[in-house]
Amino acid sequence: MTNTDAIPPAISSAFGVAGVGFTSIEKKNGSTMSPQEIDTLRKEVKHKMVELGLDRRGSYAVLLPRLLRPTHNSSLIMALSGYRSGPGSQAILEDLLAVLSTWPPENA
């Protein structure tokens, strides 16, 4: 039994999870992202946050409203800590990197 056998066909086709495995994650352009690449992305985001002085208490509350998707505080913390490294965390890290690359915001 593979990891996708337990997913009903209607759900797997609706959400596109038929080919998702535990060792690779789909990038936005369709290629796979390894856990090492996700860890590298996480470290890049953390370094960028330190460079911009956003590694202090209260910084997550400033960054959360600027993300492209509605994100809960705990999801952001788990993605940045490396506790979770799934497709959702990858999307959060990519969004956060995009926000940090245009920091400081114009209307801050």
PDB file of N, CA and C in Angstrom:
ATOM      1  N   MET A   1       0.841  -1.183   0.000  1.00  0.00           N
ATOM      2  CA  MET A   1       0.000   0.000   0.000  1.00  0.00           C
ATOM      3  C   MET A   1       0.885   1.245   0.000  1.00  0.00           C
ATOM      4  N   THR A   2       0.669   2.123  -0.950  1.00  0.00           N
ATOM      5  CA  THR A   2       1.433   3.361  -1.000  1.00  0.00           C
ATOM      6  C   THR A   2       0.733   4.428  -0.187  1.00  0.00           C
ATOM      7  N   ASN A   3       1.388   5.575  -0.063  1.00  0.00           N
ATOM      8  CA  ASN A   3       0.813   6.645   0.747  1.00  0.00           C
ATOM      9  C   ASN A   3      -0.425   7.260   0.122  1.00  0.00           C
ATOM     10  N   THR A   4      -0.663   7.046  -1.171  1.00  0.00           N
ATOM     11  CA  THR A   4      -1.840   7.636  -1.815  1.00  0.00           C
ATOM     12  C   THR A   4      -2.973   6.636  -1.965  1.00  0.00           C
ATOM     13  N   ASP A   5      -2.756   5.352  -1.603  1.00  0.00           N
ATOM     14  CA  ASP A   5      -3.823   4.364  -1.714  1.00  0.00           C
ATOM     15  C   ASP A   5      -4.962   4.637  -0.742  1.00  0.00           C
ATOM     16  N   ALA A   6      -4.653   5.261   0.371  1.00  0.00           N
ATOM     17  CA  ALA A   6      -5.667   5.525   1.392  1.00  0.00           C
ATOM     18  C   ALA A   6      -6.542   6.721   1.053  1.00  0.00           C
ATOM     19  N   ILE A   7      -6.172   7.489   0.023  1.00  0.00           N
ATOM     20  CA  ILE A   7      -6.930   8.677  -0.363  1.00  0.00           C
ATOM     21  C   ILE A   7      -7.977   8.275  -1.395  1.00  0.00           C
ATOM     22  N   PRO A   8      -9.255   8.560  -1.134  1.00  0.00           N
ATOM     23  CA  PRO A   8     -10.287   8.231  -2.115  1.00  0.00           C
ATOM     24  C   PRO A   8     -10.027   8.930  -3.449  1.00  0.00           C
ATOM     25  N   PRO A   9     -10.356   8.280  -4.579  1.00  0.00           N
ATOM     26  CA  PRO A   9     -10.079   8.858  -5.898  1.00  0.00           C
ATOM     27  C   PRO A   9     -10.709  10.227  -6.118  1.00  0.00           C
ATOM     28  N   ALA A  10     -11.914  10.444  -5.589  1.00  0.00           N
ATOM     29  CA  ALA A  10     -12.564  11.743  -5.784  1.00  0.00           C
ATOM     30  C   ALA A  10     -11.766  12.859  -5.123  1.00  0.00           C
ATOM     31  N   ILE A  11     -11.220  12.587  -3.954  1.00  0.00           N
ATOM     32  CA  ILE A  11     -10.438  13.604  -3.248  1.00  0.00           C
ATOM     33  C   ILE A  11      -9.097  13.807  -3.933  1.00  0.00           C
ATOM     34  N   SER A  12      -8.446  12.713  -4.329  1.00  0.00           N
ATOM     35  CA  SER A  12      -7.129  12.857  -4.937  1.00  0.00           C
ATOM     36  C   SER A  12      -7.196  13.605  -6.255  1.00  0.00           C
ATOM     37  N   SER A  13      -8.258  13.407  -7.042  1.00  0.00           N
ATOM     38  CA  SER A  13      -8.353  14.140  -8.302  1.00  0.00           C
ATOM     39  C   SER A  13      -8.763  15.589  -8.066  1.00  0.00           C
ATOM     40  N   ALA A  14      -9.596  15.834  -7.061  1.00  0.00           N
ATOM     41  CA  ALA A  14     -10.043  17.198  -6.776  1.00  0.00           C
ATOM     42  C   ALA A  14      -8.916  18.064  -6.255  1.00  0.00           C
ATOM     43  N   PHE A  15      -8.031  17.478  -5.449  1.00  0.00           N
ATOM     44  CA  PHE A  15      -6.967  18.254  -4.836  1.00  0.00           C
ATOM     45  C   PHE A  15      -5.608  18.017  -5.471  1.00  0.00           C
ATOM     46  N   GLY A  16      -5.527  17.140  -6.447  1.00  0.00           N
ATOM     47  CA  GLY A  16      -4.274  16.916  -7.151  1.00  0.00           C
ATOM     48  C   GLY A  16      -3.207  16.279  -6.294  1.00  0.00           C
ATOM     49  N   VAL A  17      -3.577  15.345  -5.436  1.00  0.00           N
ATOM     50  CA  VAL A  17      -2.600  14.721  -4.545  1.00  0.00           C
ATOM     51  C   VAL A  17      -2.204  13.323  -4.998  1.00  0.00           C
ATOM     52  N   ALA A  18      -2.567  12.945  -6.198  1.00  0.00           N
ATOM     53  CA  ALA A  18      -2.313  11.581  -6.642  1.00  0.00           C
ATOM     54  C   ALA A  18      -0.830  11.251  -6.682  1.00  0.00           C
ATOM     55  N   GLY A  19       0.019  12.178  -7.072  1.00  0.00           N
ATOM     56  CA  GLY A  19       1.433  11.884  -7.192  1.00  0.00           C
ATOM     57  C   GLY A  19       2.295  12.438  -6.086  1.00  0.00           C
ATOM     58  N   VAL A  20       1.692  12.921  -5.013  1.00  0.00           N
ATOM     59  CA  VAL A  20       2.463  13.523  -3.938  1.00  0.00           C
ATOM     60  C   VAL A  20       3.008  12.429  -3.044  1.00  0.00           C
ATOM     61  N   GLY A  21       4.313  12.460  -2.774  1.00  0.00           N
ATOM     62  CA  GLY A  21       4.929  11.492  -1.885  1.00  0.00           C
ATOM     63  C   GLY A  21       5.406  12.156  -0.620  1.00  0.00           C
ATOM     64  N   PHE A  22       6.000  11.394   0.246  1.00  0.00           N
ATOM     65  CA  PHE A  22       6.483  11.940   1.505  1.00  0.00           C
ATOM     66  C   PHE A  22       7.877  12.538   1.375  1.00  0.00           C
ATOM     67  N   THR A  23       8.602  12.224   0.296  1.00  0.00           N
ATOM     68  CA  THR A  23       9.974  12.696   0.170  1.00  0.00           C
ATOM     69  C   THR A  23      10.113  13.867  -0.776  1.00  0.00           C
ATOM     70  N   SER A  24       9.070  14.245  -1.464  1.00  0.00           N
ATOM     71  CA  SER A  24       9.179  15.377  -2.375  1.00  0.00           C
ATOM     72  C   SER A  24       7.881  16.170  -2.367  1.00  0.00           C
ATOM     73  N   ILE A  25       8.005  17.446  -2.671  1.00  0.00           N
ATOM     74  CA  ILE A  25       6.866  18.355  -2.647  1.00  0.00           C
ATOM     75  C   ILE A  25       6.847  19.099  -3.969  1.00  0.00           C
ATOM     76  N   GLU A  26       5.653  19.331  -4.494  1.00  0.00           N
ATOM     77  CA  GLU A  26       5.527  20.013  -5.773  1.00  0.00           C
ATOM     78  C   GLU A  26       5.824  21.497  -5.641  1.00  0.00           C
ATOM     79  N   LYS A  27       6.687  22.000  -6.514  1.00  0.00           N
ATOM     80  CA  LYS A  27       6.935  23.433  -6.581  1.00  0.00           C
ATOM     81  C   LYS A  27       5.828  24.071  -7.404  1.00  0.00           C
ATOM     82  N   LYS A  28       5.786  25.382  -7.403  1.00  0.00           N
ATOM     83  CA  LYS A  28       4.767  26.081  -8.171  1.00  0.00           C
ATOM     84  C   LYS A  28       4.900  25.797  -9.661  1.00  0.00           C
ATOM     85  N   ASN A  29       6.142  25.596 -10.150  1.00  0.00           N
ATOM     86  CA  ASN A  29       6.335  25.347 -11.570  1.00  0.00           C
ATOM     87  C   ASN A  29       6.193  23.872 -11.921  1.00  0.00           C
ATOM     88  N   GLY A  30       5.847  23.009 -10.949  1.00  0.00           N
ATOM     89  CA  GLY A  30       5.586  21.611 -11.234  1.00  0.00           C
ATOM     90  C   GLY A  30       6.737  20.673 -10.930  1.00  0.00           C
ATOM     91  N   SER A  31       7.946  21.181 -10.725  1.00  0.00           N
ATOM     92  CA  SER A  31       9.051  20.299 -10.379  1.00  0.00           C
ATOM     93  C   SER A  31       9.006  19.979  -8.893  1.00  0.00           C
ATOM     94  N   THR A  32       9.713  18.945  -8.492  1.00  0.00           N
ATOM     95  CA  THR A  32       9.639  18.525  -7.088  1.00  0.00           C
ATOM     96  C   THR A  32      10.678  19.240  -6.250  1.00  0.00           C
ATOM     97  N   MET A  33      10.336  19.453  -4.990  1.00  0.00           N
ATOM     98  CA  MET A  33      11.238  20.106  -4.045  1.00  0.00           C
ATOM     99  C   MET A  33      11.558  19.103  -2.946  1.00  0.00           C
ATOM    100  N   SER A  34      12.826  18.837  -2.746  1.00  0.00           N
ATOM    101  CA  SER A  34      13.239  17.874  -1.731  1.00  0.00           C
ATOM    102  C   SER A  34      13.198  18.513  -0.345  1.00  0.00           C
ATOM    103  N   PRO A  35      13.212  17.701   0.696  1.00  0.00           N
ATOM    104  CA  PRO A  35      13.251  18.262   2.052  1.00  0.00           C
ATOM    105  C   PRO A  35      14.477  19.146   2.286  1.00  0.00           C
ATOM    106  N   GLN A  36      15.586  18.814   1.643  1.00  0.00           N
ATOM    107  CA  GLN A  36      16.784  19.643   1.790  1.00  0.00           C
ATOM    108  C   GLN A  36      16.577  21.014   1.156  1.00  0.00           C
ATOM    109  N   GLU A  37      15.868  21.060   0.041  1.00  0.00           N
ATOM    110  CA  GLU A  37      15.579  22.340  -0.607  1.00  0.00           C
ATOM    111  C   GLU A  37      14.626  23.180   0.236  1.00  0.00           C
ATOM    112  N   ILE A  38      13.678  22.528   0.879  1.00  0.00           N
ATOM    113  CA  ILE A  38      12.761  23.257   1.763  1.00  0.00           C
ATOM    114  C   ILE A  38      13.528  23.815   2.953  1.00  0.00           C
ATOM    115  N   ASP A  39      14.458  23.033   3.482  1.00  0.00           N
ATOM    116  CA  ASP A  39      15.275  23.508   4.595  1.00  0.00           C
ATOM    117  C   ASP A  39      16.150  24.687   4.166  1.00  0.00           C
ATOM    118  N   THR A  40      16.678  24.641   2.955  1.00  0.00           N
ATOM    119  CA  THR A  40      17.474  25.753   2.433  1.00  0.00           C
ATOM    120  C   THR A  40      16.608  27.005   2.276  1.00  0.00           C
ATOM    121  N   LEU A  41      15.386  26.832   1.791  1.00  0.00           N
ATOM    122  CA  LEU A  41      14.452  27.955   1.656  1.00  0.00           C
ATOM    123  C   LEU A  41      14.147  28.552   3.033  1.00  0.00           C
ATOM    124  N   ARG A  42      13.917  27.699   4.030  1.00  0.00           N
ATOM    125  CA  ARG A  42      13.644  28.169   5.389  1.00  0.00           C
ATOM    126  C   ARG A  42      14.813  28.974   5.941  1.00  0.00           C
ATOM    127  N   LYS A  43      16.034  28.482   5.728  1.00  0.00           N
ATOM    128  CA  LYS A  43      17.215  29.193   6.209  1.00  0.00           C
ATOM    129  C   LYS A  43      17.385  30.529   5.495  1.00  0.00           C
ATOM    130  N   GLU A  44      17.083  30.564   4.201  1.00  0.00           N
ATOM    131  CA  GLU A  44      17.167  31.819   3.439  1.00  0.00           C
ATOM    132  C   GLU A  44      16.191  32.855   3.988  1.00  0.00           C
ATOM    133  N   VAL A  45      14.975  32.414   4.310  1.00  0.00           N
ATOM    134  CA  VAL A  45      13.968  33.322   4.870  1.00  0.00           C
ATOM    135  C   VAL A  45      14.416  33.821   6.239  1.00  0.00           C
ATOM    136  N   LYS A  46      14.932  32.919   7.084  1.00  0.00           N
ATOM    137  CA  LYS A  46      15.386  33.321   8.417  1.00  0.00           C
ATOM    138  C   LYS A  46      16.541  34.318   8.334  1.00  0.00           C
ATOM    139  N   HIS A  47      17.490  34.104   7.416  1.00  0.00           N
ATOM    140  CA  HIS A  47      18.609  35.037   7.253  1.00  0.00           C
ATOM    141  C   HIS A  47      18.103  36.411   6.810  1.00  0.00           C
ATOM    142  N   LYS A  48      17.137  36.408   5.892  1.00  0.00           N
ATOM    143  CA  LYS A  48      16.567  37.669   5.410  1.00  0.00           C
ATOM    144  C   LYS A  48      15.861  38.416   6.548  1.00  0.00           C
ATOM    145  N   MET A  49      15.162  37.672   7.411  1.00  0.00           N
ATOM    146  CA  MET A  49      14.483  38.295   8.541  1.00  0.00           C
ATOM    147  C   MET A  49      15.487  38.915   9.504  1.00  0.00           C
ATOM    148  N   VAL A  50      16.598  38.241   9.752  1.00  0.00           N
ATOM    149  CA  VAL A  50      17.629  38.780  10.638  1.00  0.00           C
ATOM    150  C   VAL A  50      18.242  40.033  10.030  1.00  0.00           C
ATOM    151  N   GLU A  51      18.526  40.013   8.724  1.00  0.00           N
ATOM    152  CA  GLU A  51      19.100  41.182   8.048  1.00  0.00           C
ATOM    153  C   GLU A  51      18.197  42.395   8.158  1.00  0.00           C
ATOM    154  N   LEU A  52      16.878  42.164   8.103  1.00  0.00           N
ATOM    155  CA  LEU A  52      15.918  43.271   8.146  1.00  0.00           C
ATOM    156  C   LEU A  52      15.479  43.626   9.566  1.00  0.00           C
ATOM    157  N   GLY A  53      16.005  42.920  10.554  1.00  0.00           N
ATOM    158  CA  GLY A  53      15.642  43.204  11.937  1.00  0.00           C
ATOM    159  C   GLY A  53      14.262  42.713  12.315  1.00  0.00           C
ATOM    160  N   LEU A  54      13.768  41.688  11.615  1.00  0.00           N
ATOM    161  CA  LEU A  54      12.433  41.159  11.882  1.00  0.00           C
ATOM    162  C   LEU A  54      12.485  39.849  12.660  1.00  0.00           C
ATOM    163  N   ASP A  55      13.546  39.659  13.427  1.00  0.00           N
ATOM    164  CA  ASP A  55      13.681  38.446  14.227  1.00  0.00           C
ATOM    165  C   ASP A  55      13.307  38.703  15.685  1.00  0.00           C
ATOM    166  N   ARG A  56      12.696  39.821  15.942  1.00  0.00           N
ATOM    167  CA  ARG A  56      12.338  40.198  17.313  1.00  0.00           C
ATOM    168  C   ARG A  56      10.894  39.834  17.626  1.00  0.00           C
ATOM    169  N   ARG A  57      10.562  39.942  18.884  1.00  0.00           N
ATOM    170  CA  ARG A  57       9.192  39.687  19.331  1.00  0.00           C
ATOM    171  C   ARG A  57       8.232  40.669  18.661  1.00  0.00           C
ATOM    172  N   GLY A  58       7.129  40.155  18.178  1.00  0.00           N
ATOM    173  CA  GLY A  58       6.119  40.980  17.536  1.00  0.00           C
ATOM    174  C   GLY A  58       6.274  41.092  16.030  1.00  0.00           C
ATOM    175  N   SER A  59       7.347  40.574  15.488  1.00  0.00           N
ATOM    176  CA  SER A  59       7.575  40.676  14.044  1.00  0.00           C
ATOM    177  C   SER A  59       6.588  39.839  13.244  1.00  0.00           C
ATOM    178  N   TYR A  60       6.210  38.665  13.776  1.00  0.00           N
ATOM    179  CA  TYR A  60       5.277  37.809  13.051  1.00  0.00           C
ATOM    180  C   TYR A  60       3.926  38.504  12.890  1.00  0.00           C
ATOM    181  N   ALA A  61       3.511  39.255  13.893  1.00  0.00           N
ATOM    182  CA  ALA A  61       2.233  39.965  13.816  1.00  0.00           C
ATOM    183  C   ALA A  61       2.259  41.028  12.724  1.00  0.00           C
ATOM    184  N   VAL A  62       3.443  41.572  12.436  1.00  0.00           N
ATOM    185  CA  VAL A  62       3.581  42.566  11.376  1.00  0.00           C
ATOM    186  C   VAL A  62       3.591  41.890  10.007  1.00  0.00           C
ATOM    187  N   LEU A  63       4.184  40.705   9.928  1.00  0.00           N
ATOM    188  CA  LEU A  63       4.329  40.012   8.648  1.00  0.00           C
ATOM    189  C   LEU A  63       3.065  39.267   8.224  1.00  0.00           C
ATOM    190  N   LEU A  64       2.324  38.718   9.163  1.00  0.00           N
ATOM    191  CA  LEU A  64       1.149  37.895   8.831  1.00  0.00           C
ATOM    192  C   LEU A  64       0.136  38.587   7.919  1.00  0.00           C
ATOM    193  N   PRO A  65      -0.263  39.829   8.174  1.00  0.00           N
ATOM    194  CA  PRO A  65      -1.256  40.450   7.292  1.00  0.00           C
ATOM    195  C   PRO A  65      -0.750  40.710   5.873  1.00  0.00           C
ATOM    196  N   ARG A  66       0.555  40.691   5.680  1.00  0.00           N
ATOM    197  CA  ARG A  66       1.123  40.986   4.369  1.00  0.00           C
ATOM    198  C   ARG A  66       1.316  39.753   3.495  1.00  0.00           C
ATOM    199  N   LEU A  67       1.088  38.563   4.047  1.00  0.00           N
ATOM    200  CA  LEU A  67       1.214  37.337   3.264  1.00  0.00           C
ATOM    201  C   LEU A  67       0.067  37.241   2.266  1.00  0.00           C
ATOM    202  N   LEU A  68       0.302  36.516   1.173  1.00  0.00           N
ATOM    203  CA  LEU A  68      -0.694  36.411   0.111  1.00  0.00           C
ATOM    204  C   LEU A  68      -1.907  35.584   0.524  1.00  0.00           C
ATOM    205  N   ARG A  69      -1.689  34.594   1.372  1.00  0.00           N
ATOM    206  CA  ARG A  69      -2.771  33.738   1.838  1.00  0.00           C
ATOM    207  C   ARG A  69      -3.037  34.022   3.314  1.00  0.00           C
ATOM    208  N   PRO A  70      -4.285  33.855   3.755  1.00  0.00           N
ATOM    209  CA  PRO A  70      -4.545  33.970   5.191  1.00  0.00           C
ATOM    210  C   PRO A  70      -3.797  32.852   5.913  1.00  0.00           C
ATOM    211  N   THR A  71      -2.985  33.214   6.876  1.00  0.00           N
ATOM    212  CA  THR A  71      -2.129  32.253   7.562  1.00  0.00           C
ATOM    213  C   THR A  71      -2.247  32.449   9.061  1.00  0.00           C
ATOM    214  N   HIS A  72      -2.332  31.356   9.784  1.00  0.00           N
ATOM    215  CA  HIS A  72      -2.404  31.416  11.240  1.00  0.00           C
ATOM    216  C   HIS A  72      -0.989  31.560  11.800  1.00  0.00           C
ATOM    217  N   ASN A  73      -0.887  32.209  12.935  1.00  0.00           N
ATOM    218  CA  ASN A  73       0.401  32.463  13.575  1.00  0.00           C
ATOM    219  C   ASN A  73       1.181  31.164  13.818  1.00  0.00           C
ATOM    220  N   SER A  74       0.505  30.125  14.283  1.00  0.00           N
ATOM    221  CA  SER A  74       1.198  28.866  14.579  1.00  0.00           C
ATOM    222  C   SER A  74       1.723  28.205  13.304  1.00  0.00           C
ATOM    223  N   SER A  75       1.016  28.358  12.196  1.00  0.00           N
ATOM    224  CA  SER A  75       1.493  27.796  10.927  1.00  0.00           C
ATOM    225  C   SER A  75       2.768  28.485  10.476  1.00  0.00           C
ATOM    226  N   LEU A  76       2.830  29.790  10.649  1.00  0.00           N
ATOM    227  CA  LEU A  76       4.040  30.536  10.308  1.00  0.00           C
ATOM    228  C   LEU A  76       5.205  30.110  11.194  1.00  0.00           C
ATOM    229  N   ILE A  77       4.955  29.962  12.475  1.00  0.00           N
ATOM    230  CA  ILE A  77       6.014  29.564  13.413  1.00  0.00           C
ATOM    231  C   ILE A  77       6.524  28.165  13.073  1.00  0.00           C
ATOM    232  N   MET A  78       5.622  27.232  12.765  1.00  0.00           N
ATOM    233  CA  MET A  78       6.054  25.876  12.438  1.00  0.00           C
ATOM    234  C   MET A  78       6.843  25.836  11.130  1.00  0.00           C
ATOM    235  N   ALA A  79       6.451  26.652  10.156  1.00  0.00           N
ATOM    236  CA  ALA A  79       7.194  26.696   8.900  1.00  0.00           C
ATOM    237  C   ALA A  79       8.591  27.277   9.105  1.00  0.00           C
ATOM    238  N   LEU A  80       8.696  28.319   9.913  1.00  0.00           N
ATOM    239  CA  LEU A  80       9.993  28.955  10.148  1.00  0.00           C
ATOM    240  C   LEU A  80      10.908  28.124  11.051  1.00  0.00           C
ATOM    241  N   SER A  81      10.333  27.315  11.911  1.00  0.00           N
ATOM    242  CA  SER A  81      11.159  26.503  12.813  1.00  0.00           C
ATOM    243  C   SER A  81      11.623  25.217  12.155  1.00  0.00           C
ATOM    244  N   GLY A  82      10.955  24.811  11.075  1.00  0.00           N
ATOM    245  CA  GLY A  82      11.295  23.557  10.423  1.00  0.00           C
ATOM    246  C   GLY A  82      10.529  22.389  11.006  1.00  0.00           C
ATOM    247  N   TYR A  83       9.633  22.643  11.951  1.00  0.00           N
ATOM    248  CA  TYR A  83       8.831  21.585  12.558  1.00  0.00           C
ATOM    249  C   TYR A  83       7.931  20.934  11.517  1.00  0.00           C
ATOM    250  N   ARG A  84       7.395  21.726  10.623  1.00  0.00           N
ATOM    251  CA  ARG A  84       6.593  21.224   9.507  1.00  0.00           C
ATOM    252  C   ARG A  84       7.292  21.608   8.214  1.00  0.00           C
ATOM    253  N   SER A  85       7.314  20.691   7.267  1.00  0.00           N
ATOM    254  CA  SER A  85       7.955  21.001   5.989  1.00  0.00           C
ATOM    255  C   SER A  85       7.134  20.450   4.834  1.00  0.00           C
ATOM    256  N   GLY A  86       5.837  20.598   4.920  1.00  0.00           N
ATOM    257  CA  GLY A  86       4.950  20.121   3.867  1.00  0.00           C
ATOM    258  C   GLY A  86       4.679  21.199   2.831  1.00  0.00           C
ATOM    259  N   PRO A  87       3.780  20.908   1.910  1.00  0.00           N
ATOM    260  CA  PRO A  87       3.454  21.875   0.852  1.00  0.00           C
ATOM    261  C   PRO A  87       2.922  23.193   1.401  1.00  0.00           C
ATOM    262  N   GLY A  88       2.152  23.142   2.491  1.00  0.00           N
ATOM    263  CA  GLY A  88       1.637  24.378   3.081  1.00  0.00           C
ATOM    264  C   GLY A  88       2.751  25.242   3.642  1.00  0.00           C
ATOM    265  N   SER A  89       3.687  24.613   4.315  1.00  0.00           N
ATOM    266  CA  SER A  89       4.824  25.357   4.862  1.00  0.00           C
ATOM    267  C   SER A  89       5.693  25.919   3.750  1.00  0.00           C
ATOM    268  N   GLN A  90       5.845  25.149   2.684  1.00  0.00           N
ATOM    269  CA  GLN A  90       6.615  25.637   1.543  1.00  0.00           C
ATOM    270  C   GLN A  90       5.957  26.886   0.959  1.00  0.00           C
ATOM    271  N   ALA A  91       4.639  26.869   0.822  1.00  0.00           N
ATOM    272  CA  ALA A  91       3.925  28.024   0.284  1.00  0.00           C
ATOM    273  C   ALA A  91       4.069  29.238   1.204  1.00  0.00           C
ATOM    274  N   ILE A  92       4.000  29.006   2.510  1.00  0.00           N
ATOM    275  CA  ILE A  92       4.172  30.100   3.465  1.00  0.00           C
ATOM    276  C   ILE A  92       5.567  30.697   3.342  1.00  0.00           C
ATOM    277  N   LEU A  93       6.579  29.843   3.252  1.00  0.00           N
ATOM    278  CA  LEU A  93       7.957  30.329   3.134  1.00  0.00           C
ATOM    279  C   LEU A  93       8.176  31.097   1.837  1.00  0.00           C
ATOM    280  N   GLU A  94       7.601  30.617   0.733  1.00  0.00           N
ATOM    281  CA  GLU A  94       7.736  31.328  -0.544  1.00  0.00           C
ATOM    282  C   GLU A  94       7.058  32.692  -0.481  1.00  0.00           C
ATOM    283  N   ASP A  95       5.859  32.743   0.121  1.00  0.00           N
ATOM    284  CA  ASP A  95       5.151  34.022   0.275  1.00  0.00           C
ATOM    285  C   ASP A  95       5.936  34.978   1.159  1.00  0.00           C
ATOM    286  N   LEU A  96       6.471  34.454   2.238  1.00  0.00           N
ATOM    287  CA  LEU A  96       7.234  35.279   3.174  1.00  0.00           C
ATOM    288  C   LEU A  96       8.499  35.822   2.523  1.00  0.00           C
ATOM    289  N   LEU A  97       9.158  35.016   1.710  1.00  0.00           N
ATOM    290  CA  LEU A  97      10.352  35.482   1.005  1.00  0.00           C
ATOM    291  C   LEU A  97      10.000  36.600   0.026  1.00  0.00           C
ATOM    292  N   ALA A  98       8.856  36.480  -0.632  1.00  0.00           N
ATOM    293  CA  ALA A  98       8.409  37.535  -1.543  1.00  0.00           C
ATOM    294  C   ALA A  98       8.121  38.833  -0.785  1.00  0.00           C
ATOM    295  N   VAL A  99       7.507  38.724   0.390  1.00  0.00           N
ATOM    296  CA  VAL A  99       7.220  39.910   1.213  1.00  0.00           C
ATOM    297  C   VAL A  99       8.523  40.549   1.681  1.00  0.00           C
ATOM    298  N   LEU A 100       9.460  39.729   2.136  1.00  0.00           N
ATOM    299  CA  LEU A 100      10.723  40.250   2.654  1.00  0.00           C
ATOM    300  C   LEU A 100      11.577  40.886   1.562  1.00  0.00           C
ATOM    301  N   SER A 101      11.435  40.415   0.332  1.00  0.00           N
ATOM    302  CA  SER A 101      12.246  40.999  -0.749  1.00  0.00           C
ATOM    303  C   SER A 101      11.779  42.409  -1.106  1.00  0.00           C
ATOM    304  N   THR A 102      10.562  42.766  -0.726  1.00  0.00           N
ATOM    305  CA  THR A 102      10.064  44.131  -0.990  1.00  0.00           C
ATOM    306  C   THR A 102       9.968  44.949   0.292  1.00  0.00           C
ATOM    307  N   TRP A 103      10.620  44.511   1.349  1.00  0.00           N
ATOM    308  CA  TRP A 103      10.546  45.197   2.636  1.00  0.00           C
ATOM    309  C   TRP A 103      11.420  46.424   2.622  1.00  0.00           C
ATOM    310  N   PRO A 104      11.139  47.522   3.208  1.00  0.00           N
ATOM    311  CA  PRO A 104       9.972  47.841   4.021  1.00  0.00           C
ATOM    312  C   PRO A 104       8.770  48.181   3.144  1.00  0.00           C
ATOM    313  N   PRO A 105       7.574  47.929   3.648  1.00  0.00           N
ATOM    314  CA  PRO A 105       6.377  48.257   2.871  1.00  0.00           C
ATOM    315  C   PRO A 105       6.228  49.764   2.718  1.00  0.00           C
ATOM    316  N   GLU A 106       5.548  50.153   1.647  1.00  0.00           N
ATOM    317  CA  GLU A 106       5.384  51.579   1.350  1.00  0.00           C
ATOM    318  C   GLU A 106       4.494  52.289   2.346  1.00  0.00           C
ATOM    319  N   ASN A 107       3.470  51.575   2.839  1.00  0.00           N
ATOM    320  CA  ASN A 107       2.501  52.217   3.730  1.00  0.00           C
ATOM    321  C   ASN A 107       2.680  51.784   5.187  1.00  0.00           C
ATOM    322  N   ALA A 108       3.908  51.553   5.605  1.00  0.00           N
ATOM    323  CA  ALA A 108       4.140  51.126   6.997  1.00  0.00           C
ATOM    324  C   ALA A 108       4.206  52.300   7.930  1.00  0.00           C
TER     325      ALA A 108
END
